[in-house]
Amino acid sequence: MKLELFIDSRPLDIEIDDVVAALLAVRLDLPAGADNQDALARYLSEKGAPWTLDEEHMRRRILRRLILDIADPALVIRHLMAEE
């Protein structure tokens, strides 16, 4: 999934795997099967602030935040159970 984030009014394009996007959507209690692209972009934009250094640094910062948000075994099980 391609996302366009706005961190301190600066655009940042990132791409995340669909599974990672789905896990984050579960974490945020977003509706399953809906287009959650805007909600995910808003959330990551807020969590990525403030803008520091360059775009690559900001992409790494966002990816670290994603890992922290979805690295929960209960969340993964909840996501898998929702698909059944």
Protein backbone atom coordinates (compact mmCIF):
# COMPACT_ATOMS: atom_id res chain seq x y z
CA MET A 1 0.00 0.00 0.00
CA LYS A 2 1.36 3.39 -0.98
CA LEU A 3 0.78 6.18 1.50
CA GLU A 4 1.44 9.89 1.29
CA LEU A 5 2.17 11.27 4.74
CA PHE A 6 2.35 14.93 5.71
CA ILE A 7 4.72 15.52 8.59
CA ASP A 8 5.01 19.16 9.62
CA SER A 9 3.39 20.02 6.26
CA ARG A 10 6.14 18.19 4.35
CA PRO A 11 5.08 15.29 2.09
CA LEU A 12 6.65 11.86 2.51
CA ASP A 13 5.78 8.92 0.28
CA ILE A 14 6.14 5.47 1.82
CA GLU A 15 5.04 1.99 0.84
CA ILE A 16 4.03 -0.65 3.36
CA ASP A 17 3.05 -4.25 2.86
CA ASP A 18 -0.69 -4.99 2.80
CA VAL A 19 -0.35 -7.36 5.77
CA VAL A 20 1.39 -4.67 7.80
CA ALA A 21 -1.34 -2.20 6.81
CA ALA A 22 -4.02 -4.69 7.87
CA LEU A 23 -2.34 -5.29 11.23
CA LEU A 24 -2.10 -1.56 11.86
CA ALA A 25 -5.77 -1.17 10.92
CA VAL A 26 -6.65 -3.84 13.50
CA ARG A 27 -4.53 -2.05 16.11
CA LEU A 28 -6.41 1.18 15.38
CA ASP A 29 -9.81 -0.58 15.39
CA LEU A 30 -10.53 0.49 11.82
CA PRO A 31 -13.27 -1.35 9.92
CA ALA A 32 -12.15 -4.58 8.27
CA GLY A 33 -12.35 -4.63 4.49
CA ALA A 34 -12.73 -0.85 4.23
CA ASP A 35 -10.33 1.51 2.47
CA ASN A 36 -8.32 2.67 5.46
CA GLN A 37 -5.55 4.32 3.48
CA ASP A 38 -6.39 7.89 4.59
CA ALA A 39 -6.76 6.91 8.25
CA LEU A 40 -3.44 5.04 8.23
CA ALA A 41 -1.69 7.97 6.54
CA ARG A 42 -3.09 10.42 9.11
CA TYR A 43 -2.06 8.19 12.01
CA LEU A 44 1.48 7.68 10.72
CA SER A 45 1.82 11.39 9.91
CA GLU A 46 0.94 12.28 13.49
CA LYS A 47 3.23 9.64 14.97
CA GLY A 48 6.12 10.60 12.68
CA ALA A 49 6.26 14.23 13.79
CA PRO A 50 8.40 16.24 14.17
CA TRP A 51 10.30 16.23 10.89
CA THR A 52 14.01 15.76 11.48
CA LEU A 53 16.94 15.27 9.12
CA ASP A 54 16.04 13.91 5.67
CA GLU A 55 13.43 11.73 3.96
CA GLU A 56 15.32 8.46 4.50
CA HIS A 57 15.61 9.15 8.21
CA MET A 58 11.88 9.86 8.35
CA ARG A 59 11.04 6.63 6.47
CA ARG A 60 13.12 4.63 8.96
CA ARG A 61 11.40 6.43 11.83
CA ILE A 62 7.97 5.54 10.42
CA LEU A 63 8.98 1.89 9.91
CA ARG A 64 10.24 1.66 13.51
CA ARG A 65 6.92 3.06 14.68
CA LEU A 66 5.06 0.47 12.60
CA ILE A 67 7.07 -2.33 14.18
CA LEU A 68 6.29 -1.07 17.67
CA ASP A 69 2.59 -0.75 16.85
CA ILE A 70 2.12 -4.23 15.37
CA ALA A 71 4.66 -6.32 17.32
CA ASP A 72 1.99 -7.84 19.55
CA PRO A 73 1.20 -11.57 19.27
CA ALA A 74 -2.38 -10.97 20.47
CA LEU A 75 -2.87 -8.47 17.65
CA VAL A 76 -1.64 -10.95 15.03
CA ILE A 77 -3.98 -13.65 16.38
CA ARG A 78 -6.89 -11.19 16.40
CA HIS A 79 -6.15 -10.32 12.76
CA LEU A 80 -5.97 -13.97 11.75
CA MET A 81 -9.17 -14.85 13.59
CA ALA A 82 -11.05 -11.97 11.91
CA GLU A 83 -10.31 -13.46 8.48
CA GLU A 84 -11.99 -16.79 9.28
